[in-house]
Each structure stands twice: as structure tokens, then as C-alpha cells.
Amino acid sequence: MDKPVTVVIDPNVWIAAVINPYGTPARVVEAVMSDRIAAVVTQQLLDELASVLTRPKFRRWLSLADAVAFVETLGGKADLHPDPGAPSRKVRDPDDNYLVALAETAGAVIVTGDADLLETDLSPPAVTPRDLLENLA
């Protein structure tokens, strides 16, 4: 069996999957959970995701308990990496630099809906959830 593609999934994709369990981001999450792709995370990414999903405005889509369970499940399923430090190439939004650094150290593709990351010439590259799924097919 081929080794799954290694990806760094931007928190915006995880959040989109929670909001719409039938959309393309949710299919990316399904691919992670079924080991078709391998997600790498840092504690910073998990903390950011938990911080967003536990905000009151997200109760419309999931309970607080489900938000915590989602992040815990992800933490148990994904490959947890230590903080990689600064990337070799910084991006316009400094809050995204940790994603670039993680992708560089893990040799992983960034999966994102963030135009800044998608438009930056990164190695490994950034791709949309749709592009990732099309390349898996």
C-alpha cells in the first residue's frame, strides 16, 4: 500500500468541515480519519483550533463538548510535531508562518482556503481542499 500524502491542514479547513459536514473540507477530514492522508499538527495548531471552536458563536454548529472532542480526536489521529520555529520563507500574514514552517519540516503540503498561502510560491506548495481530493482520486 502506498504511503499516504502528508498534509498540514490550516485550521480554516478544519473549521469549515465542522460548519458543513457535507462539504469538501469535511471530505478532507474523512480522508484523514480513514488514513488516506496523514495530517501533521503542532500544539499551536490544536490550541488555535480549540480556541476558535469553543467560541459561543460556534454553538450553532456543535456543542462545546463536541468541539472539545473534535480537537481531542484530531490530536489523537494526527502526527503531533514539536514547534518547528521560523520558516525559511515567511508569508504576508505572520500568524500563518507556523503552518509554513511545519510544512517545511514535515515535507507536507498545506491544505488551505487562505488566498495568501495559495498565492505564495511555497515548497511544498499550498493547495485547496478540492485540489487535494482531486489529486488523491
N, C-alpha and C. Protein backbone atom coordinates (compact mmCIF):
# COMPACT_ATOMS: atom_id res chain seq x y z
N MET A 1 0.84 -1.19 0.00
CA MET A 1 0.00 0.00 0.00
C MET A 1 0.88 1.25 0.00
N ASP A 2 0.50 2.24 -0.80
CA ASP A 2 1.26 3.48 -0.87
C ASP A 2 1.16 4.25 0.43
N LYS A 3 2.24 4.97 0.73
CA LYS A 3 2.24 5.83 1.91
C LYS A 3 1.30 7.01 1.65
N PRO A 4 0.45 7.36 2.63
CA PRO A 4 -0.47 8.48 2.40
C PRO A 4 0.27 9.81 2.26
N VAL A 5 -0.34 10.74 1.53
CA VAL A 5 0.19 12.09 1.38
C VAL A 5 0.18 12.74 2.76
N THR A 6 1.26 13.43 3.09
CA THR A 6 1.35 14.14 4.36
C THR A 6 0.92 15.59 4.16
N VAL A 7 0.02 16.05 5.01
CA VAL A 7 -0.53 17.39 4.87
C VAL A 7 -0.54 18.14 6.20
N VAL A 8 -0.45 19.45 6.09
CA VAL A 8 -0.72 20.36 7.19
C VAL A 8 -2.04 21.02 6.81
N ILE A 9 -3.05 20.79 7.61
CA ILE A 9 -4.37 21.35 7.32
C ILE A 9 -4.57 22.61 8.13
N ASP A 10 -4.75 23.71 7.41
CA ASP A 10 -4.99 25.00 8.03
C ASP A 10 -6.23 24.91 8.92
N PRO A 11 -6.20 25.52 10.10
CA PRO A 11 -7.40 25.49 10.94
C PRO A 11 -8.67 25.94 10.21
N ASN A 12 -8.55 26.81 9.20
CA ASN A 12 -9.76 27.26 8.50
C ASN A 12 -10.45 26.09 7.78
N VAL A 13 -9.70 25.08 7.38
CA VAL A 13 -10.28 23.91 6.73
C VAL A 13 -10.98 23.02 7.76
N TRP A 14 -10.33 22.81 8.91
CA TRP A 14 -10.96 22.02 9.97
C TRP A 14 -12.28 22.67 10.39
N ILE A 15 -12.26 23.99 10.53
CA ILE A 15 -13.46 24.73 10.96
C ILE A 15 -14.55 24.63 9.91
N ALA A 16 -14.19 24.78 8.64
CA ALA A 16 -15.17 24.66 7.57
C ALA A 16 -15.81 23.27 7.55
N ALA A 17 -15.03 22.26 7.89
CA ALA A 17 -15.55 20.89 7.93
C ALA A 17 -16.59 20.74 9.04
N VAL A 18 -16.37 21.40 10.15
CA VAL A 18 -17.32 21.34 11.27
C VAL A 18 -18.61 22.07 10.90
N ILE A 19 -18.48 23.20 10.25
CA ILE A 19 -19.65 24.00 9.89
C ILE A 19 -20.50 23.30 8.83
N ASN A 20 -19.85 22.67 7.86
CA ASN A 20 -20.58 21.99 6.79
C ASN A 20 -20.06 20.56 6.66
N PRO A 21 -20.67 19.61 7.34
CA PRO A 21 -20.19 18.23 7.31
C PRO A 21 -20.36 17.53 5.96
N TYR A 22 -20.96 18.23 4.98
CA TYR A 22 -21.15 17.64 3.65
C TYR A 22 -20.26 18.28 2.59
N GLY A 23 -19.45 19.26 2.98
CA GLY A 23 -18.63 19.99 2.02
C GLY A 23 -17.28 19.33 1.76
N THR A 24 -16.53 19.95 0.89
CA THR A 24 -15.20 19.45 0.51
C THR A 24 -14.25 19.38 1.71
N PRO A 25 -14.19 20.39 2.58
CA PRO A 25 -13.31 20.27 3.75
C PRO A 25 -13.66 19.04 4.61
N ALA A 26 -14.94 18.73 4.73
CA ALA A 26 -15.34 17.55 5.51
C ALA A 26 -14.83 16.27 4.85
N ARG A 27 -14.76 16.26 3.53
CA ARG A 27 -14.21 15.09 2.84
C ARG A 27 -12.70 14.96 3.09
N VAL A 28 -12.02 16.09 3.29
CA VAL A 28 -10.60 16.05 3.66
C VAL A 28 -10.46 15.44 5.05
N VAL A 29 -11.32 15.85 5.98
CA VAL A 29 -11.28 15.28 7.33
C VAL A 29 -11.55 13.78 7.28
N GLU A 30 -12.51 13.37 6.47
CA GLU A 30 -12.79 11.93 6.30
C GLU A 30 -11.56 11.19 5.78
N ALA A 31 -10.83 11.83 4.86
CA ALA A 31 -9.61 11.20 4.32
C ALA A 31 -8.55 11.05 5.40
N VAL A 32 -8.47 12.01 6.32
CA VAL A 32 -7.53 11.89 7.45
C VAL A 32 -7.96 10.75 8.35
N MET A 33 -9.23 10.72 8.70
CA MET A 33 -9.73 9.72 9.64
C MET A 33 -9.65 8.30 9.07
N SER A 34 -9.68 8.17 7.73
CA SER A 34 -9.58 6.85 7.10
C SER A 34 -8.16 6.53 6.64
N ASP A 35 -7.19 7.35 7.06
CA ASP A 35 -5.77 7.15 6.75
C ASP A 35 -5.43 7.24 5.27
N ARG A 36 -6.27 7.90 4.48
CA ARG A 36 -5.93 8.13 3.08
C ARG A 36 -4.93 9.28 2.95
N ILE A 37 -4.95 10.20 3.92
CA ILE A 37 -3.93 11.23 4.03
C ILE A 37 -3.48 11.29 5.48
N ALA A 38 -2.26 11.75 5.69
CA ALA A 38 -1.69 11.84 7.04
C ALA A 38 -1.55 13.32 7.40
N ALA A 39 -2.26 13.73 8.44
CA ALA A 39 -2.18 15.12 8.89
C ALA A 39 -1.12 15.26 9.97
N VAL A 40 -0.35 16.34 9.88
CA VAL A 40 0.60 16.68 10.92
C VAL A 40 0.12 17.97 11.58
N VAL A 41 0.30 18.04 12.88
CA VAL A 41 -0.14 19.20 13.65
C VAL A 41 0.93 19.57 14.66
N THR A 42 0.81 20.76 15.21
CA THR A 42 1.59 21.18 16.37
C THR A 42 0.59 21.49 17.48
N GLN A 43 1.09 21.63 18.68
CA GLN A 43 0.20 22.03 19.76
C GLN A 43 -0.40 23.39 19.47
N GLN A 44 0.36 24.27 18.83
CA GLN A 44 -0.15 25.60 18.49
C GLN A 44 -1.37 25.48 17.57
N LEU A 45 -1.32 24.60 16.58
CA LEU A 45 -2.45 24.43 15.67
C LEU A 45 -3.66 23.89 16.43
N LEU A 46 -3.45 22.90 17.28
CA LEU A 46 -4.56 22.34 18.07
C LEU A 46 -5.15 23.39 19.00
N ASP A 47 -4.28 24.20 19.62
CA ASP A 47 -4.75 25.26 20.52
C ASP A 47 -5.56 26.31 19.77
N GLU A 48 -5.09 26.68 18.58
CA GLU A 48 -5.81 27.67 17.77
C GLU A 48 -7.19 27.13 17.38
N LEU A 49 -7.22 25.88 16.96
CA LEU A 49 -8.48 25.27 16.57
C LEU A 49 -9.44 25.19 17.76
N ALA A 50 -8.95 24.78 18.91
CA ALA A 50 -9.79 24.71 20.10
C ALA A 50 -10.29 26.10 20.50
N SER A 51 -9.43 27.09 20.41
CA SER A 51 -9.80 28.45 20.77
C SER A 51 -10.96 28.95 19.90
N VAL A 52 -10.92 28.65 18.63
CA VAL A 52 -11.97 29.09 17.71
C VAL A 52 -13.25 28.29 17.93
N LEU A 53 -13.14 26.97 17.95
CA LEU A 53 -14.34 26.12 18.03
C LEU A 53 -15.07 26.21 19.36
N THR A 54 -14.41 26.69 20.41
CA THR A 54 -15.08 26.82 21.70
C THR A 54 -15.72 28.20 21.88
N ARG A 55 -15.62 29.06 20.87
CA ARG A 55 -16.29 30.36 20.94
C ARG A 55 -17.81 30.15 20.89
N PRO A 56 -18.54 31.00 21.60
CA PRO A 56 -20.00 30.85 21.64
C PRO A 56 -20.67 30.83 20.27
N LYS A 57 -20.16 31.58 19.31
CA LYS A 57 -20.83 31.63 18.00
C LYS A 57 -20.84 30.27 17.29
N PHE A 58 -20.00 29.34 17.70
CA PHE A 58 -19.97 28.01 17.06
C PHE A 58 -20.96 27.02 17.68
N ARG A 59 -21.67 27.43 18.75
CA ARG A 59 -22.66 26.52 19.35
C ARG A 59 -23.78 26.19 18.36
N ARG A 60 -23.95 27.05 17.38
CA ARG A 60 -24.97 26.81 16.36
C ARG A 60 -24.66 25.54 15.55
N TRP A 61 -23.36 25.19 15.44
CA TRP A 61 -22.96 24.03 14.64
C TRP A 61 -22.55 22.82 15.47
N LEU A 62 -22.03 23.08 16.68
CA LEU A 62 -21.64 21.96 17.53
C LEU A 62 -21.59 22.40 18.98
N SER A 63 -21.84 21.44 19.85
CA SER A 63 -21.82 21.74 21.29
C SER A 63 -20.38 21.96 21.75
N LEU A 64 -20.24 22.53 22.91
CA LEU A 64 -18.90 22.72 23.48
C LEU A 64 -18.22 21.37 23.66
N ALA A 65 -18.96 20.37 24.14
CA ALA A 65 -18.40 19.03 24.33
C ALA A 65 -17.94 18.44 22.99
N ASP A 66 -18.74 18.65 21.94
CA ASP A 66 -18.35 18.14 20.62
C ASP A 66 -17.13 18.88 20.06
N ALA A 67 -17.02 20.16 20.35
CA ALA A 67 -15.85 20.94 19.90
C ALA A 67 -14.58 20.40 20.56
N VAL A 68 -14.67 20.17 21.86
CA VAL A 68 -13.51 19.63 22.59
C VAL A 68 -13.19 18.22 22.09
N ALA A 69 -14.21 17.41 21.89
CA ALA A 69 -13.99 16.04 21.40
C ALA A 69 -13.38 16.04 20.00
N PHE A 70 -13.80 16.97 19.15
CA PHE A 70 -13.25 17.06 17.79
C PHE A 70 -11.75 17.33 17.85
N VAL A 71 -11.35 18.31 18.65
CA VAL A 71 -9.93 18.65 18.76
C VAL A 71 -9.14 17.51 19.40
N GLU A 72 -9.70 16.86 20.40
CA GLU A 72 -9.02 15.73 21.03
C GLU A 72 -8.86 14.56 20.05
N THR A 73 -9.90 14.30 19.26
CA THR A 73 -9.82 13.22 18.26
C THR A 73 -8.74 13.55 17.23
N LEU A 74 -8.74 14.78 16.79
CA LEU A 74 -7.70 15.20 15.83
C LEU A 74 -6.32 15.03 16.43
N GLY A 75 -6.15 15.47 17.67
CA GLY A 75 -4.86 15.35 18.34
C GLY A 75 -4.40 13.91 18.46
N GLY A 76 -5.34 12.99 18.63
CA GLY A 76 -5.00 11.58 18.73
C GLY A 76 -4.74 10.94 17.38
N LYS A 77 -5.34 11.47 16.33
CA LYS A 77 -5.22 10.89 14.99
C LYS A 77 -4.02 11.46 14.22
N ALA A 78 -3.78 12.73 14.35
CA ALA A 78 -2.72 13.40 13.60
C ALA A 78 -1.35 13.11 14.21
N ASP A 79 -0.34 13.35 13.45
CA ASP A 79 1.04 13.20 13.90
C ASP A 79 1.46 14.52 14.54
N LEU A 80 1.63 14.51 15.86
CA LEU A 80 1.97 15.72 16.60
C LEU A 80 3.47 15.99 16.49
N HIS A 81 3.80 17.17 15.97
CA HIS A 81 5.19 17.59 15.81
C HIS A 81 5.49 18.71 16.80
N PRO A 82 6.74 18.84 17.22
CA PRO A 82 7.11 19.98 18.06
C PRO A 82 7.08 21.27 17.24
N ASP A 83 7.06 22.40 17.92
CA ASP A 83 7.09 23.69 17.24
C ASP A 83 8.33 23.74 16.36
N PRO A 84 8.16 23.96 15.05
CA PRO A 84 9.31 23.92 14.14
C PRO A 84 10.13 25.20 14.10
N GLY A 85 9.72 26.24 14.78
CA GLY A 85 10.45 27.50 14.73
C GLY A 85 10.04 28.30 13.50
N ALA A 86 10.94 29.15 13.04
CA ALA A 86 10.63 30.04 11.91
C ALA A 86 10.79 29.30 10.58
N PRO A 87 9.94 29.63 9.61
CA PRO A 87 10.07 29.02 8.29
C PRO A 87 11.22 29.67 7.52
N SER A 88 11.68 29.00 6.47
CA SER A 88 12.73 29.59 5.63
C SER A 88 12.15 30.74 4.81
N ARG A 89 10.85 30.68 4.57
CA ARG A 89 10.19 31.74 3.82
C ARG A 89 8.96 32.20 4.59
N LYS A 90 8.94 33.46 4.94
CA LYS A 90 7.80 33.99 5.68
C LYS A 90 6.72 34.43 4.70
N VAL A 91 5.48 34.39 5.19
CA VAL A 91 4.35 34.80 4.37
C VAL A 91 3.77 36.11 4.88
N ARG A 92 2.87 36.68 4.11
CA ARG A 92 2.35 38.01 4.43
C ARG A 92 1.71 38.08 5.81
N ASP A 93 0.92 37.08 6.17
CA ASP A 93 0.28 37.04 7.48
C ASP A 93 1.19 36.29 8.44
N PRO A 94 1.82 36.99 9.38
CA PRO A 94 2.75 36.31 10.29
C PRO A 94 2.10 35.20 11.10
N ASP A 95 0.77 35.23 11.27
CA ASP A 95 0.08 34.17 12.00
C ASP A 95 0.11 32.84 11.24
N ASP A 96 0.43 32.88 9.94
CA ASP A 96 0.50 31.66 9.14
C ASP A 96 1.91 31.09 9.03
N ASN A 97 2.90 31.79 9.55
CA ASN A 97 4.28 31.32 9.43
C ASN A 97 4.49 29.95 10.06
N TYR A 98 3.78 29.67 11.16
CA TYR A 98 3.96 28.36 11.80
C TYR A 98 3.47 27.23 10.90
N LEU A 99 2.45 27.49 10.08
CA LEU A 99 1.96 26.47 9.15
C LEU A 99 3.02 26.19 8.07
N VAL A 100 3.64 27.24 7.57
CA VAL A 100 4.68 27.10 6.56
C VAL A 100 5.87 26.36 7.15
N ALA A 101 6.28 26.72 8.35
CA ALA A 101 7.42 26.05 9.00
C ALA A 101 7.12 24.57 9.24
N LEU A 102 5.92 24.27 9.69
CA LEU A 102 5.54 22.87 9.91
C LEU A 102 5.56 22.10 8.60
N ALA A 103 5.01 22.68 7.55
CA ALA A 103 5.01 22.02 6.25
C ALA A 103 6.43 21.78 5.76
N GLU A 104 7.30 22.75 5.95
CA GLU A 104 8.70 22.58 5.53
C GLU A 104 9.38 21.44 6.28
N THR A 105 9.24 21.42 7.60
CA THR A 105 9.94 20.40 8.39
C THR A 105 9.34 19.01 8.20
N ALA A 106 8.04 18.94 7.92
CA ALA A 106 7.39 17.64 7.75
C ALA A 106 7.35 17.18 6.29
N GLY A 107 7.78 18.05 5.36
CA GLY A 107 7.68 17.71 3.95
C GLY A 107 6.22 17.54 3.53
N ALA A 108 5.37 18.41 4.07
CA ALA A 108 3.93 18.28 3.89
C ALA A 108 3.35 19.39 3.04
N VAL A 109 2.30 19.07 2.34
CA VAL A 109 1.53 20.03 1.57
C VAL A 109 0.59 20.76 2.54
N ILE A 110 0.44 22.07 2.37
CA ILE A 110 -0.51 22.83 3.18
C ILE A 110 -1.86 22.78 2.46
N VAL A 111 -2.90 22.42 3.19
CA VAL A 111 -4.26 22.41 2.66
C VAL A 111 -4.98 23.59 3.30
N THR A 112 -5.43 24.53 2.47
CA THR A 112 -5.97 25.78 2.99
C THR A 112 -6.96 26.40 2.02
N GLY A 113 -7.76 27.29 2.56
CA GLY A 113 -8.61 28.14 1.74
C GLY A 113 -8.10 29.57 1.75
N ASP A 114 -6.96 29.80 2.37
CA ASP A 114 -6.36 31.12 2.54
C ASP A 114 -5.65 31.55 1.26
N ALA A 115 -6.16 32.59 0.61
CA ALA A 115 -5.59 33.05 -0.66
C ALA A 115 -4.12 33.45 -0.50
N ASP A 116 -3.75 34.05 0.62
CA ASP A 116 -2.35 34.44 0.82
C ASP A 116 -1.42 33.24 0.72
N LEU A 117 -1.78 32.14 1.35
CA LEU A 117 -0.95 30.95 1.29
C LEU A 117 -0.99 30.31 -0.10
N LEU A 118 -2.17 30.30 -0.70
CA LEU A 118 -2.32 29.68 -2.02
C LEU A 118 -1.56 30.43 -3.10
N GLU A 119 -1.43 31.74 -2.95
CA GLU A 119 -0.77 32.57 -3.95
C GLU A 119 0.73 32.72 -3.72
N THR A 120 1.23 32.20 -2.62
CA THR A 120 2.66 32.28 -2.31
C THR A 120 3.36 31.04 -2.87
N ASP A 121 4.51 31.25 -3.47
CA ASP A 121 5.29 30.14 -4.02
C ASP A 121 6.00 29.43 -2.87
N LEU A 122 5.37 28.36 -2.40
CA LEU A 122 5.91 27.61 -1.27
C LEU A 122 6.38 26.24 -1.73
N SER A 123 7.32 25.69 -1.00
CA SER A 123 7.77 24.33 -1.28
C SER A 123 7.89 23.60 0.05
N PRO A 124 7.06 22.60 0.28
CA PRO A 124 5.95 22.10 -0.52
C PRO A 124 4.87 23.17 -0.70
N PRO A 125 4.01 22.98 -1.70
CA PRO A 125 3.02 24.00 -2.04
C PRO A 125 1.82 24.01 -1.10
N ALA A 126 1.00 25.03 -1.26
CA ALA A 126 -0.31 25.08 -0.60
C ALA A 126 -1.35 24.77 -1.67
N VAL A 127 -2.35 23.98 -1.30
CA VAL A 127 -3.42 23.60 -2.22
C VAL A 127 -4.76 23.75 -1.53
N THR A 128 -5.81 23.86 -2.32
CA THR A 128 -7.15 23.92 -1.76
C THR A 128 -7.59 22.51 -1.38
N PRO A 129 -8.59 22.39 -0.52
CA PRO A 129 -9.13 21.06 -0.22
C PRO A 129 -9.58 20.33 -1.49
N ARG A 130 -10.21 21.03 -2.40
CA ARG A 130 -10.67 20.41 -3.66
C ARG A 130 -9.49 19.87 -4.47
N ASP A 131 -8.44 20.69 -4.59
CA ASP A 131 -7.25 20.23 -5.34
C ASP A 131 -6.64 18.99 -4.70
N LEU A 132 -6.58 18.96 -3.38
CA LEU A 132 -6.03 17.79 -2.69
C LEU A 132 -6.85 16.55 -3.03
N LEU A 133 -8.16 16.66 -2.92
CA LEU A 133 -9.02 15.50 -3.17
C LEU A 133 -8.95 15.05 -4.63
N GLU A 134 -8.84 16.00 -5.55
CA GLU A 134 -8.72 15.63 -6.98
C GLU A 134 -7.41 14.91 -7.23
N ASN A 135 -6.35 15.32 -6.55
CA ASN A 135 -5.06 14.64 -6.72
C ASN A 135 -5.03 13.27 -6.09
N LEU A 136 -5.89 13.03 -5.09
CA LEU A 136 -5.98 11.72 -4.47
C LEU A 136 -6.73 10.72 -5.34
N ALA A 137 -7.66 11.26 -6.15
CA ALA A 137 -8.52 10.38 -6.96
C ALA A 137 -7.79 9.71 -8.09
